């Protein structure tokens, strides 16, 4: 099984389903409540493990009930957690998520221990990054931490998948070391310095991102599929048609599954199709980590839809 190192945030998601999302100053009554593991890093680690990877998660939680609960959950998923730090000062990260009847959401995050991560705090974990088959990370933790780990992966010849979410400015010291950059539509526009409203805009943004030195770009477009660009590919891969219930972690599931497929030496196009199938299954389920499908489910879904 491929060895995947995932660096990123860990949160506990508190989810309320509502008939509609509230406007500023509005209270909407009638929702149901659920609590589940979340955080982009943790979501992607779970998605990778369920999709068939041997995963080591590098993160930080508080020394509180939420942190202990998260660690137990990761262990149950078969994820190596020896590099998930326990912070004595900061609480575990929390996300408050509102979801309407169509599956759209609003999310607010208190980063807690995630924001306390530093390059020094992951020093011991860098050996795991160097020994992995692929390295996957995002931007919900301090950028200095992400940059240090990407540099180590690059030095060791380990392919880097960077999901640039939430969007922020990234320089060549990071982008030239990235093998696959996986922004959504708005993140791609932010990184490329342009607004995106058409497929032509998506294509232009991808070219601009490739020009930064990134080896390949995968722009996820929600219901519009995913646009893939690298040296010899320019292709819009359509979505799978499913009835969405909760889109909260679709991008994270996509990235986790993509990392597994790439670590197994799949071509980028095939890896994106595999990841798209995983994401399509996830949006039919409630919750972030609980929605991630198992490898057998992804393979069965692909047999039925191809």
Protein backbone atom coordinates (compact mmCIF):
# COMPACT_ATOMS: atom_id res chain seq x y z
CA UNK A 1 0.00 0.00 0.00
CA UNK A 2 1.28 3.50 -0.80
CA UNK A 3 2.66 5.56 2.07
CA UNK A 4 0.99 8.96 2.27
CA UNK A 5 2.03 11.75 4.63
CA UNK A 6 -0.73 14.28 5.25
CA UNK A 7 -0.01 17.57 7.00
CA UNK A 8 -2.85 19.82 8.06
CA UNK A 9 -5.62 20.87 10.39
CA UNK A 10 -7.83 18.82 12.66
CA UNK A 11 -11.19 20.15 13.85
CA UNK A 12 -14.39 18.92 15.39
CA UNK A 13 -17.34 19.87 13.18
CA UNK A 14 -20.62 20.95 14.78
CA UNK A 15 -23.24 20.69 12.06
CA UNK A 16 -26.77 22.09 11.86
CA UNK A 17 -29.06 21.20 8.97
CA UNK A 18 -31.52 23.97 8.16
CA UNK A 19 -34.23 24.58 5.54
CA UNK A 20 -32.24 27.64 4.39
CA UNK A 21 -28.99 29.40 5.29
CA UNK A 22 -29.54 32.45 7.51
CA UNK A 23 -28.86 35.92 6.20
CA UNK A 24 -26.89 38.37 8.40
CA UNK A 25 -28.96 39.06 11.52
CA UNK A 26 -31.44 36.27 10.76
CA UNK A 27 -32.21 33.22 12.91
CA UNK A 28 -33.46 30.09 11.15
CA UNK A 29 -35.27 27.53 13.30
CA UNK A 30 -35.92 23.85 12.68
CA UNK A 31 -32.47 22.35 12.18
CA UNK A 32 -31.07 19.01 13.27
CA UNK A 33 -27.66 18.82 14.96
CA UNK A 34 -24.74 16.43 14.48
CA UNK A 35 -21.08 16.37 15.49
CA UNK A 36 -18.27 14.79 13.45
CA UNK A 37 -14.54 14.96 12.83
CA UNK A 38 -13.40 17.67 10.42
CA UNK A 39 -10.56 19.99 9.43
CA UNK A 40 -9.12 19.88 5.93
CA UNK A 41 -6.02 17.96 6.94
CA UNK A 42 -7.91 15.37 8.96
CA UNK A 43 -10.58 15.02 6.28
CA UNK A 44 -7.94 14.35 3.65
CA UNK A 45 -6.07 11.91 5.90
CA UNK A 46 -9.25 9.89 6.49
CA UNK A 47 -10.18 10.03 2.81
CA UNK A 48 -6.70 8.78 1.84
CA UNK A 49 -6.81 5.95 4.37
CA UNK A 50 -10.26 4.82 3.25
CA UNK A 51 -9.23 5.02 -0.42
CA UNK A 52 -6.39 2.59 0.18
CA UNK A 53 -3.38 4.53 1.47
CA UNK A 54 -1.15 3.89 4.48
CA UNK A 55 -1.45 7.30 6.11
CA UNK A 56 0.60 9.21 8.65
CA UNK A 57 -1.14 12.37 9.83
CA UNK A 58 0.88 15.38 11.01
CA UNK A 59 -1.24 17.83 12.98
CA UNK A 60 -1.97 19.31 16.42
CA UNK A 61 -4.94 19.03 18.77
CA UNK A 62 -5.71 20.40 22.22
CA UNK A 63 -5.41 18.34 25.39
CA UNK A 64 -9.19 18.24 25.71
CA UNK A 65 -12.11 15.92 25.06
CA UNK A 66 -12.38 16.97 21.41
CA UNK A 67 -8.69 16.25 20.82
CA UNK A 68 -8.84 12.86 22.54
CA UNK A 69 -11.94 11.95 20.58
CA UNK A 70 -10.20 12.87 17.30
CA UNK A 71 -7.13 10.79 18.12
CA UNK A 72 -9.28 7.77 18.86
CA UNK A 73 -11.13 8.21 15.60
CA UNK A 74 -7.91 8.47 13.57
CA UNK A 75 -6.59 5.30 15.21
CA UNK A 76 -9.79 3.47 14.37
CA UNK A 77 -9.28 4.46 10.73
CA UNK A 78 -5.79 2.91 10.78
CA UNK A 79 -4.03 6.29 10.59
CA UNK A 80 -0.62 6.67 12.23
CA UNK A 81 -0.97 9.47 14.84
CA UNK A 82 2.43 9.59 16.54
CA UNK A 83 3.03 12.98 14.88
CA UNK A 84 -0.25 14.57 16.00
CA UNK A 85 0.90 16.92 18.78
CA UNK A 86 -1.09 17.55 21.98
CA UNK A 87 -1.19 21.24 22.89
CA UNK A 88 -1.48 22.16 26.58
CA UNK A 89 -2.31 25.83 25.94
CA UNK A 90 -4.73 25.92 23.00
CA UNK A 91 -8.02 24.10 22.58
CA UNK A 92 -8.70 21.76 19.69
CA UNK A 93 -9.99 23.36 16.50
CA UNK A 94 -13.75 23.74 16.13
CA UNK A 95 -15.85 24.37 13.00
CA UNK A 96 -19.48 25.50 13.05
CA UNK A 97 -21.25 24.37 9.88
CA UNK A 98 -24.70 25.31 8.61
CA UNK A 99 -26.13 23.25 5.73
CA UNK A 100 -29.30 24.00 3.76
CA UNK A 101 -31.65 21.52 2.10
CA UNK A 102 -29.73 21.64 -1.19
CA UNK A 103 -26.41 20.77 0.47
CA UNK A 104 -24.87 24.26 0.35
CA UNK A 105 -23.05 25.39 3.47
CA UNK A 106 -21.62 28.21 5.57
CA UNK A 107 -18.63 27.45 7.81
CA UNK A 108 -16.92 29.33 10.64
CA UNK A 109 -13.68 27.99 12.17
CA UNK A 110 -11.86 28.55 15.47
CA UNK A 111 -8.39 27.20 14.63
CA UNK A 112 -7.16 26.64 18.19
CA UNK A 113 -4.18 24.28 18.34
CA UNK A 114 -3.90 24.22 14.54
CA UNK A 115 -2.68 27.82 14.59
CA UNK A 116 -0.06 26.94 17.20
CA UNK A 117 1.83 24.66 14.82
CA UNK A 118 5.33 25.83 13.87
CA UNK A 119 8.20 24.55 11.71
CA UNK A 120 9.91 23.47 14.93
CA UNK A 121 6.85 21.51 16.08
CA UNK A 122 6.96 19.26 12.99
CA UNK A 123 10.73 18.76 12.99
CA UNK A 124 10.53 15.07 13.94
CA UNK A 125 7.76 14.43 11.40
CA UNK A 126 9.88 15.57 8.46
CA UNK A 127 11.53 12.13 8.28
CA UNK A 128 8.08 10.67 7.66
CA UNK A 129 7.55 13.17 4.85
CA UNK A 130 10.88 12.18 3.28
CA UNK A 131 10.02 8.48 3.43
CA UNK A 132 6.51 8.76 1.97
CA UNK A 133 5.38 7.97 -1.56
CA UNK A 134 3.40 11.20 -1.75
CA UNK A 135 2.93 14.28 0.44
CA UNK A 136 -0.45 16.01 0.73
CA UNK A 137 -1.11 19.32 2.45
CA UNK A 138 -3.38 22.39 2.55
CA UNK A 139 -3.40 25.93 4.01
CA UNK A 140 -5.48 25.79 7.21
CA UNK A 141 -2.29 25.83 9.31
CA UNK A 142 0.52 28.44 9.37
CA UNK A 143 2.11 28.86 5.94
CA UNK A 144 5.62 28.59 7.40
CA UNK A 145 4.84 25.01 8.46
CA UNK A 146 3.50 24.08 5.04
CA UNK A 147 6.51 25.64 3.31
CA UNK A 148 8.99 23.75 5.51
CA UNK A 149 7.34 20.40 4.87
CA UNK A 150 7.01 20.99 1.11
CA UNK A 151 10.70 21.87 0.95
CA UNK A 152 11.62 18.63 2.71
CA UNK A 153 9.42 16.56 0.41
CA UNK A 154 10.95 18.28 -2.63
CA UNK A 155 14.48 17.67 -1.37
CA UNK A 156 13.65 13.98 -0.92
CA UNK A 157 12.05 13.65 -4.36
CA UNK A 158 8.60 13.01 -2.88
CA UNK A 159 5.73 14.27 -5.09
CA UNK A 160 3.77 17.11 -3.47
CA UNK A 161 0.00 17.61 -3.78
CA UNK A 162 -1.01 21.05 -2.51
CA UNK A 163 -4.66 21.93 -2.01
CA UNK A 164 -4.38 25.76 -1.70
CA UNK A 165 -7.36 26.19 0.61
CA UNK A 166 -8.25 28.56 2.05
CA UNK A 167 -6.76 30.75 -0.68
CA UNK A 168 -3.76 32.94 0.10
CA UNK A 169 -0.80 34.33 -1.78
CA UNK A 170 1.86 31.76 -2.62
CA UNK A 171 5.33 32.54 -3.95
CA UNK A 172 7.71 30.57 -6.17
CA UNK A 173 9.48 29.19 -3.09
CA UNK A 174 6.39 26.98 -2.70
CA UNK A 175 4.83 26.67 -6.15
CA UNK A 176 7.96 25.50 -7.98
CA UNK A 177 8.11 22.51 -5.60
CA UNK A 178 4.51 21.41 -6.15
CA UNK A 179 3.71 18.47 -8.42
CA UNK A 180 -0.08 18.86 -8.37
CA UNK A 181 -1.91 22.05 -7.38
CA UNK A 182 -5.62 21.47 -6.69
CA UNK A 183 -7.54 24.73 -6.22
CA UNK A 184 -11.26 25.13 -6.57
CA UNK A 185 -12.61 27.78 -8.94
CA UNK A 186 -12.36 30.74 -6.55
CA UNK A 187 -8.94 29.68 -5.25
CA UNK A 188 -7.63 29.33 -8.80
CA UNK A 189 -8.84 32.84 -9.61
CA UNK A 190 -7.20 34.24 -6.50
CA UNK A 191 -3.86 32.54 -7.22
CA UNK A 192 -3.95 33.51 -10.90
CA UNK A 193 -4.94 37.13 -10.17
CA UNK A 194 -8.18 37.08 -12.15
CA UNK A 195 -11.89 36.47 -11.85
CA UNK A 196 -13.35 33.26 -13.23
CA UNK A 197 -16.81 33.03 -14.73
CA UNK A 198 -16.40 30.90 -17.89
CA UNK A 199 -14.61 27.75 -18.99
CA UNK A 200 -12.27 29.97 -20.97
CA UNK A 201 -11.37 31.77 -17.74
CA UNK A 202 -10.62 28.43 -16.11
CA UNK A 203 -8.29 27.53 -18.97
CA UNK A 204 -6.50 30.89 -18.70
CA UNK A 205 -6.10 30.53 -14.93
CA UNK A 206 -4.64 27.06 -15.36
CA UNK A 207 -2.07 28.37 -17.86
CA UNK A 208 -1.07 31.15 -15.49
CA UNK A 209 -0.63 28.65 -12.67
CA UNK A 210 1.45 26.31 -14.82
CA UNK A 211 3.64 29.30 -15.67
CA UNK A 212 4.54 29.63 -11.96
CA UNK A 213 6.44 26.34 -12.15
CA UNK A 214 3.74 23.99 -10.86
CA UNK A 215 3.94 20.69 -12.77
CA UNK A 216 0.21 20.06 -13.01
CA UNK A 217 -3.00 21.88 -12.13
CA UNK A 218 -6.39 20.37 -11.28
CA UNK A 219 -9.13 22.99 -10.85
CA UNK A 220 -12.23 21.55 -9.23
CA UNK A 221 -15.45 23.16 -10.44
CA UNK A 222 -18.09 21.64 -8.18
CA UNK A 223 -20.95 20.60 -10.43
CA UNK A 224 -18.85 21.53 -13.45
CA UNK A 225 -16.34 18.73 -13.02
CA UNK A 226 -12.58 19.22 -12.92
CA UNK A 227 -10.22 20.91 -15.38
CA UNK A 228 -6.87 19.16 -15.75
CA UNK A 229 -3.76 20.81 -17.14
CA UNK A 230 -0.17 19.59 -17.36
CA UNK A 231 2.50 19.42 -20.04
CA UNK A 232 0.51 17.24 -22.48
CA UNK A 233 -3.07 17.44 -21.14
CA UNK A 234 -5.75 20.10 -21.27
CA UNK A 235 -9.08 18.49 -20.46
CA UNK A 236 -12.35 19.17 -18.66
CA UNK A 237 -13.42 15.98 -16.91
CA UNK A 238 -17.18 16.01 -16.21
CA UNK A 239 -18.70 15.34 -12.82
CA UNK A 240 -20.62 12.22 -11.87
CA UNK A 241 -24.36 12.89 -11.62
CA UNK A 242 -25.55 12.31 -8.02
CA UNK A 243 -28.05 13.90 -5.65
CA UNK A 244 -26.07 16.09 -3.22
CA UNK A 245 -26.98 16.04 0.48
CA UNK A 246 -23.89 17.72 1.98
CA UNK A 247 -21.00 19.19 -0.02
CA UNK A 248 -18.94 20.14 3.05
CA UNK A 249 -15.91 17.89 2.52
CA UNK A 250 -16.20 17.02 -1.17
CA UNK A 251 -12.96 18.83 -2.01
CA UNK A 252 -11.11 17.12 0.82
CA UNK A 253 -12.32 13.68 -0.21
CA UNK A 254 -11.28 14.49 -3.78
CA UNK A 255 -7.76 15.42 -2.66
CA UNK A 256 -7.35 12.43 -0.37
CA UNK A 257 -8.38 10.01 -3.09
CA UNK A 258 -6.30 11.85 -5.70
CA UNK A 259 -3.19 11.44 -3.55
CA UNK A 260 -3.78 7.70 -3.31
CA UNK A 261 -4.25 7.29 -7.06
CA UNK A 262 -1.16 9.36 -7.85
CA UNK A 263 0.90 7.42 -5.31
CA UNK A 264 -0.11 4.26 -7.18
CA UNK A 265 1.36 5.80 -10.36
CA UNK A 266 -1.97 6.44 -12.06
CA UNK A 267 -1.85 8.98 -14.88
CA UNK A 268 -3.28 12.34 -13.85
CA UNK A 269 -6.48 11.93 -15.87
CA UNK A 270 -7.25 8.52 -14.33
CA UNK A 271 -6.36 9.82 -10.87
CA UNK A 272 -8.82 12.71 -11.27
CA UNK A 273 -11.60 10.33 -12.37
CA UNK A 274 -10.93 8.14 -9.31
CA UNK A 275 -10.96 11.22 -7.05
CA UNK A 276 -14.12 12.56 -8.68
CA UNK A 277 -15.90 9.28 -7.99
CA UNK A 278 -14.88 9.44 -4.32
CA UNK A 279 -16.11 13.03 -4.06
CA UNK A 280 -19.39 12.16 -5.77
CA UNK A 281 -20.09 9.44 -3.22
CA UNK A 282 -19.20 11.78 -0.35
CA UNK A 283 -21.75 14.46 -1.23
CA UNK A 284 -24.56 11.94 -0.88
CA UNK A 285 -23.72 11.60 2.84
CA UNK A 286 -23.80 13.90 5.85
CA UNK A 287 -20.61 14.98 7.60
CA UNK A 288 -17.00 15.54 6.61
CA UNK A 289 -14.92 12.50 7.58
CA UNK A 290 -17.90 10.11 7.85
CA UNK A 291 -18.76 10.83 4.21
CA UNK A 292 -15.44 9.56 2.80
CA UNK A 293 -15.96 6.29 0.90
CA UNK A 294 -13.97 3.08 1.21
CA UNK A 295 -11.83 1.82 -1.69
CA UNK A 296 -14.34 -0.91 -2.51
CA UNK A 297 -17.13 1.66 -2.74
CA UNK A 298 -15.14 3.87 -5.12
CA UNK A 299 -14.29 0.93 -7.37
CA UNK A 300 -17.91 -0.27 -7.37
CA UNK A 301 -19.13 3.24 -8.21
CA UNK A 302 -16.72 3.50 -11.13
CA UNK A 303 -17.83 0.13 -12.50
CA UNK A 304 -21.45 1.32 -12.40
CA UNK A 305 -20.79 4.73 -13.98
CA UNK A 306 -18.24 3.99 -16.69
